[in-house]
C-alpha cells in the first residue's frame, strides 16, 4: 500500500496479524482492487 494509491493511514490499519500483539505485515491489494480504486479516483471531481 505504499504506492500512494490509498491514504497513508491504511497501511497502519489494514494489516495481516498472526497474534494479538503482533503489528502484522502490510496487506497487498489484488490487481482488481487496484483497478477499482484507480477507477473510483478517476471519477473524483
Protein backbone atom coordinates (compact mmCIF):
# COMPACT_ATOMS: atom_id res chain seq x y z
CA UNK A 1 0.00 0.00 0.00
CA UNK A 2 2.99 2.26 -0.16
CA UNK A 3 2.31 3.23 -3.78
CA UNK A 4 0.34 6.29 -2.65
CA UNK A 5 -2.89 4.88 -4.07
CA UNK A 6 -4.60 4.88 -0.68
CA UNK A 7 -4.39 7.16 2.33
CA UNK A 8 -1.15 6.53 4.31
CA UNK A 9 -3.18 5.54 7.39
CA UNK A 10 -4.47 2.48 5.51
CA UNK A 11 -1.07 0.78 5.80
CA UNK A 12 -1.28 1.08 9.58
CA UNK A 13 -4.89 -0.07 9.87
CA UNK A 14 -5.08 -2.86 7.27
CA UNK A 15 -2.52 -5.48 8.24
CA UNK A 16 -2.30 -9.27 8.40
CA UNK A 17 -1.86 -10.22 12.04
CA UNK A 18 -0.87 -13.65 13.26
CA UNK A 19 -1.06 -12.95 17.01
CA UNK A 20 -2.90 -10.48 19.23
CA UNK A 21 0.08 -8.18 19.91
CA UNK A 22 1.70 -8.70 16.52
CA UNK A 23 1.68 -5.47 14.45
CA UNK A 24 1.42 -7.71 11.37
CA UNK A 25 2.60 -7.31 7.84
CA UNK A 26 1.07 -4.88 5.37
CA UNK A 27 -1.67 -6.13 3.06
CA UNK A 28 -1.12 -6.28 -0.67
CA UNK A 29 -4.03 -5.37 -2.89
CA UNK A 30 -5.10 -7.70 -5.68
CA UNK A 31 -4.98 -6.36 -9.23
CA UNK A 32 -8.77 -6.00 -9.43
CA UNK A 33 -8.73 -4.00 -6.17
CA UNK A 34 -6.07 -1.63 -7.51
CA UNK A 35 -8.07 -1.24 -10.73
CA UNK A 36 -11.24 -0.47 -8.75
CA UNK A 37 -9.52 2.17 -6.59
CA UNK A 38 -7.96 3.80 -9.66
CA UNK A 39 -11.32 3.85 -11.45
CA UNK A 40 -13.01 5.42 -8.43
CA UNK A 41 -10.28 8.04 -8.12
CA UNK A 42 -10.66 8.89 -11.80
CA UNK A 43 -14.32 9.81 -11.14
CA UNK A 44 -13.38 12.18 -8.34
CA UNK A 45 -14.01 15.80 -9.40
